[in-house]
Amino acid sequence: MVASPVTAGLSGEVLEVGFGSGLNMPYYPPAVQRVRAVDPSAVTRKLAERAAASTVPVEYIGVDAKALPLEDASVDRVVSVLML
């Protein structure tokens, strides 16, 4: 699948705020090493199991983007799509 305009050019570590059901996963380019996912919904997390089929590893790191267990400058890009 071809990268979308939102994911085109991404590489390295990506933080996706509002990961939801993982709909962006097929569009992450091969240069993305890992997606760190933030989403408050347990329901969408269950739906995101399809993201496990992606070649990009997904790590859930929290439910609230205001308090993330990340060091400063530990991700290369932040993505937030269709969240509001």
N, C-alpha and C. Protein backbone atom coordinates (compact mmCIF):
# COMPACT_ATOMS: atom_id res chain seq x y z
N MET A 1 0.83 -1.17 0.00
CA MET A 1 0.00 0.00 0.00
C MET A 1 0.88 1.24 0.00
N VAL A 2 0.47 2.27 -0.67
CA VAL A 2 1.22 3.52 -0.79
C VAL A 2 0.98 4.40 0.44
N ALA A 3 2.02 5.10 0.87
CA ALA A 3 1.89 6.01 2.02
C ALA A 3 0.86 7.09 1.70
N SER A 4 0.12 7.50 2.72
CA SER A 4 -0.82 8.61 2.56
C SER A 4 -0.04 9.91 2.70
N PRO A 5 -0.64 11.05 2.33
CA PRO A 5 0.06 12.32 2.53
C PRO A 5 0.45 12.56 3.99
N VAL A 6 -0.28 11.99 4.91
CA VAL A 6 0.00 12.16 6.34
C VAL A 6 1.24 11.37 6.75
N THR A 7 1.42 10.19 6.20
CA THR A 7 2.52 9.32 6.62
C THR A 7 3.72 9.34 5.69
N ALA A 8 3.57 9.93 4.52
CA ALA A 8 4.67 9.98 3.56
C ALA A 8 5.89 10.66 4.18
N GLY A 9 7.04 10.07 4.02
CA GLY A 9 8.28 10.65 4.49
C GLY A 9 8.60 10.38 5.95
N LEU A 10 7.73 9.68 6.66
CA LEU A 10 8.00 9.38 8.06
C LEU A 10 9.09 8.31 8.17
N SER A 11 9.86 8.42 9.25
CA SER A 11 10.89 7.41 9.51
C SER A 11 11.18 7.37 11.00
N GLY A 12 11.86 6.32 11.42
CA GLY A 12 12.28 6.20 12.81
C GLY A 12 11.13 5.89 13.76
N GLU A 13 11.15 6.54 14.91
CA GLU A 13 10.15 6.33 15.96
C GLU A 13 9.01 7.33 15.77
N VAL A 14 7.77 6.83 15.73
CA VAL A 14 6.60 7.68 15.55
C VAL A 14 5.68 7.52 16.75
N LEU A 15 5.20 8.64 17.26
CA LEU A 15 4.18 8.65 18.31
C LEU A 15 2.87 8.96 17.64
N GLU A 16 1.89 8.07 17.76
CA GLU A 16 0.57 8.33 17.19
C GLU A 16 -0.42 8.56 18.33
N VAL A 17 -0.86 9.80 18.44
CA VAL A 17 -1.84 10.19 19.46
C VAL A 17 -3.22 10.00 18.86
N GLY A 18 -4.05 9.21 19.52
CA GLY A 18 -5.36 8.87 18.98
C GLY A 18 -5.23 7.71 18.00
N PHE A 19 -4.50 6.68 18.40
CA PHE A 19 -4.22 5.53 17.55
C PHE A 19 -5.49 4.83 17.07
N GLY A 20 -6.51 4.82 17.92
CA GLY A 20 -7.79 4.23 17.53
C GLY A 20 -7.66 2.77 17.14
N SER A 21 -8.26 2.44 16.02
CA SER A 21 -8.26 1.04 15.57
C SER A 21 -7.09 0.71 14.66
N GLY A 22 -6.12 1.59 14.58
CA GLY A 22 -4.91 1.30 13.80
C GLY A 22 -5.05 1.50 12.31
N LEU A 23 -6.00 2.34 11.89
CA LEU A 23 -6.24 2.51 10.46
C LEU A 23 -5.05 3.07 9.68
N ASN A 24 -4.14 3.76 10.34
CA ASN A 24 -2.97 4.31 9.64
C ASN A 24 -1.88 3.27 9.39
N MET A 25 -1.92 2.16 10.08
CA MET A 25 -0.82 1.19 10.01
C MET A 25 -0.45 0.75 8.60
N PRO A 26 -1.39 0.47 7.73
CA PRO A 26 -0.98 0.04 6.37
C PRO A 26 -0.25 1.12 5.59
N TYR A 27 -0.34 2.37 6.03
CA TYR A 27 0.24 3.48 5.28
C TYR A 27 1.60 3.93 5.80
N TYR A 28 2.06 3.37 6.91
CA TYR A 28 3.38 3.76 7.40
C TYR A 28 4.45 3.20 6.47
N PRO A 29 5.38 4.04 6.04
CA PRO A 29 6.44 3.57 5.14
C PRO A 29 7.42 2.64 5.87
N PRO A 30 8.16 1.84 5.13
CA PRO A 30 9.10 0.89 5.73
C PRO A 30 10.16 1.53 6.62
N ALA A 31 10.43 2.82 6.44
CA ALA A 31 11.45 3.50 7.24
C ALA A 31 11.00 3.75 8.69
N VAL A 32 9.71 3.53 8.97
CA VAL A 32 9.23 3.68 10.35
C VAL A 32 9.63 2.43 11.12
N GLN A 33 10.38 2.62 12.20
CA GLN A 33 10.88 1.49 12.99
C GLN A 33 9.90 1.03 14.05
N ARG A 34 9.12 1.97 14.60
CA ARG A 34 8.16 1.62 15.65
C ARG A 34 7.15 2.74 15.78
N VAL A 35 5.91 2.35 16.08
CA VAL A 35 4.85 3.30 16.39
C VAL A 35 4.52 3.14 17.86
N ARG A 36 4.59 4.24 18.58
CA ARG A 36 4.17 4.25 19.98
C ARG A 36 2.77 4.83 19.99
N ALA A 37 1.82 4.05 20.48
CA ALA A 37 0.41 4.39 20.36
C ALA A 37 -0.17 4.89 21.68
N VAL A 38 -1.00 5.95 21.56
CA VAL A 38 -1.72 6.49 22.70
C VAL A 38 -3.19 6.52 22.33
N ASP A 39 -4.01 5.90 23.15
CA ASP A 39 -5.45 5.93 22.91
C ASP A 39 -6.18 5.54 24.19
N PRO A 40 -7.22 6.30 24.57
CA PRO A 40 -7.92 6.01 25.81
C PRO A 40 -8.95 4.88 25.72
N SER A 41 -9.27 4.44 24.53
CA SER A 41 -10.36 3.47 24.37
C SER A 41 -9.89 2.03 24.35
N ALA A 42 -10.40 1.25 25.28
CA ALA A 42 -10.10 -0.18 25.30
C ALA A 42 -10.75 -0.88 24.12
N VAL A 43 -11.89 -0.36 23.67
CA VAL A 43 -12.61 -0.97 22.54
C VAL A 43 -11.79 -0.84 21.27
N THR A 44 -11.28 0.36 20.98
CA THR A 44 -10.51 0.51 19.76
C THR A 44 -9.19 -0.23 19.84
N ARG A 45 -8.67 -0.37 21.05
CA ARG A 45 -7.43 -1.15 21.21
C ARG A 45 -7.65 -2.59 20.78
N LYS A 46 -8.82 -3.12 21.11
CA LYS A 46 -9.15 -4.48 20.69
C LYS A 46 -9.29 -4.54 19.16
N LEU A 47 -9.90 -3.51 18.59
CA LEU A 47 -10.04 -3.46 17.13
C LEU A 47 -8.68 -3.34 16.45
N ALA A 48 -7.72 -2.76 17.13
CA ALA A 48 -6.40 -2.53 16.54
C ALA A 48 -5.57 -3.80 16.44
N GLU A 49 -6.09 -4.90 16.86
CA GLU A 49 -5.34 -6.15 16.75
C GLU A 49 -4.94 -6.43 15.31
N ARG A 50 -5.68 -5.88 14.35
CA ARG A 50 -5.30 -6.05 12.94
C ARG A 50 -3.97 -5.37 12.65
N ALA A 51 -3.65 -4.36 13.46
CA ALA A 51 -2.37 -3.66 13.28
C ALA A 51 -1.20 -4.60 13.57
N ALA A 52 -1.46 -5.67 14.30
CA ALA A 52 -0.40 -6.62 14.61
C ALA A 52 0.14 -7.28 13.34
N ALA A 53 -0.66 -7.28 12.28
CA ALA A 53 -0.22 -7.87 11.02
C ALA A 53 0.77 -6.95 10.29
N SER A 54 0.91 -5.74 10.75
CA SER A 54 1.83 -4.79 10.13
C SER A 54 3.27 -5.19 10.41
N THR A 55 4.16 -4.79 9.53
CA THR A 55 5.58 -5.06 9.75
C THR A 55 6.18 -4.05 10.72
N VAL A 56 5.44 -2.99 11.03
CA VAL A 56 5.91 -1.98 11.97
C VAL A 56 5.41 -2.35 13.37
N PRO A 57 6.31 -2.52 14.33
CA PRO A 57 5.86 -2.85 15.69
C PRO A 57 5.08 -1.69 16.31
N VAL A 58 4.05 -2.04 17.08
CA VAL A 58 3.24 -1.06 17.80
C VAL A 58 3.41 -1.29 19.28
N GLU A 59 3.68 -0.21 20.01
CA GLU A 59 3.81 -0.28 21.46
C GLU A 59 2.82 0.71 22.07
N TYR A 60 1.84 0.19 22.83
CA TYR A 60 0.92 1.08 23.53
C TYR A 60 1.63 1.66 24.74
N ILE A 61 1.59 2.99 24.84
CA ILE A 61 2.32 3.61 25.94
C ILE A 61 1.43 4.43 26.87
N GLY A 62 0.15 4.49 26.61
CA GLY A 62 -0.70 5.23 27.52
C GLY A 62 -2.07 5.54 26.96
N VAL A 63 -2.87 6.14 27.82
CA VAL A 63 -4.24 6.49 27.45
C VAL A 63 -4.44 8.00 27.43
N ASP A 64 -3.46 8.76 27.88
CA ASP A 64 -3.60 10.21 28.00
C ASP A 64 -2.35 10.89 27.46
N ALA A 65 -2.51 11.66 26.40
CA ALA A 65 -1.35 12.31 25.77
C ALA A 65 -0.76 13.42 26.62
N LYS A 66 -1.44 13.80 27.70
CA LYS A 66 -0.89 14.84 28.58
C LYS A 66 0.21 14.30 29.49
N ALA A 67 0.23 12.99 29.68
CA ALA A 67 1.22 12.39 30.58
C ALA A 67 1.77 11.12 29.95
N LEU A 68 2.83 11.27 29.18
CA LEU A 68 3.40 10.12 28.47
C LEU A 68 4.73 9.70 29.11
N PRO A 69 4.97 8.40 29.16
CA PRO A 69 6.23 7.90 29.73
C PRO A 69 7.36 7.92 28.70
N LEU A 70 7.63 9.10 28.16
CA LEU A 70 8.67 9.24 27.13
C LEU A 70 9.67 10.31 27.55
N GLU A 71 10.92 10.09 27.20
CA GLU A 71 11.96 11.10 27.41
C GLU A 71 11.80 12.17 26.34
N ASP A 72 12.27 13.37 26.62
CA ASP A 72 12.28 14.43 25.61
C ASP A 72 13.06 13.96 24.39
N ALA A 73 12.57 14.32 23.22
CA ALA A 73 13.21 14.01 21.94
C ALA A 73 13.39 12.51 21.70
N SER A 74 12.49 11.69 22.25
CA SER A 74 12.62 10.24 22.07
C SER A 74 11.85 9.70 20.87
N VAL A 75 11.08 10.55 20.19
CA VAL A 75 10.41 10.15 18.95
C VAL A 75 10.81 11.13 17.86
N ASP A 76 10.72 10.65 16.63
CA ASP A 76 11.10 11.48 15.49
C ASP A 76 9.95 12.32 14.95
N ARG A 77 8.74 11.78 15.03
CA ARG A 77 7.55 12.46 14.52
C ARG A 77 6.35 12.10 15.39
N VAL A 78 5.35 12.99 15.35
CA VAL A 78 4.08 12.76 16.03
C VAL A 78 2.97 12.84 15.00
N VAL A 79 2.08 11.86 15.03
CA VAL A 79 0.95 11.81 14.10
C VAL A 79 -0.33 11.82 14.92
N SER A 80 -1.30 12.60 14.47
CA SER A 80 -2.63 12.60 15.07
C SER A 80 -3.63 12.87 13.97
N VAL A 81 -4.38 11.84 13.60
CA VAL A 81 -5.29 11.92 12.46
C VAL A 81 -6.70 11.47 12.89
N LEU A 82 -7.69 12.20 12.44
CA LEU A 82 -9.09 11.84 12.69
C LEU A 82 -9.40 11.67 14.17
N MET A 83 -8.76 12.46 15.00
CA MET A 83 -8.93 12.30 16.44
C MET A 83 -10.05 13.17 17.01
N LEU A 84 -10.27 14.32 16.43
CA LEU A 84 -11.24 15.24 17.01
C LEU A 84 -12.61 15.10 16.39
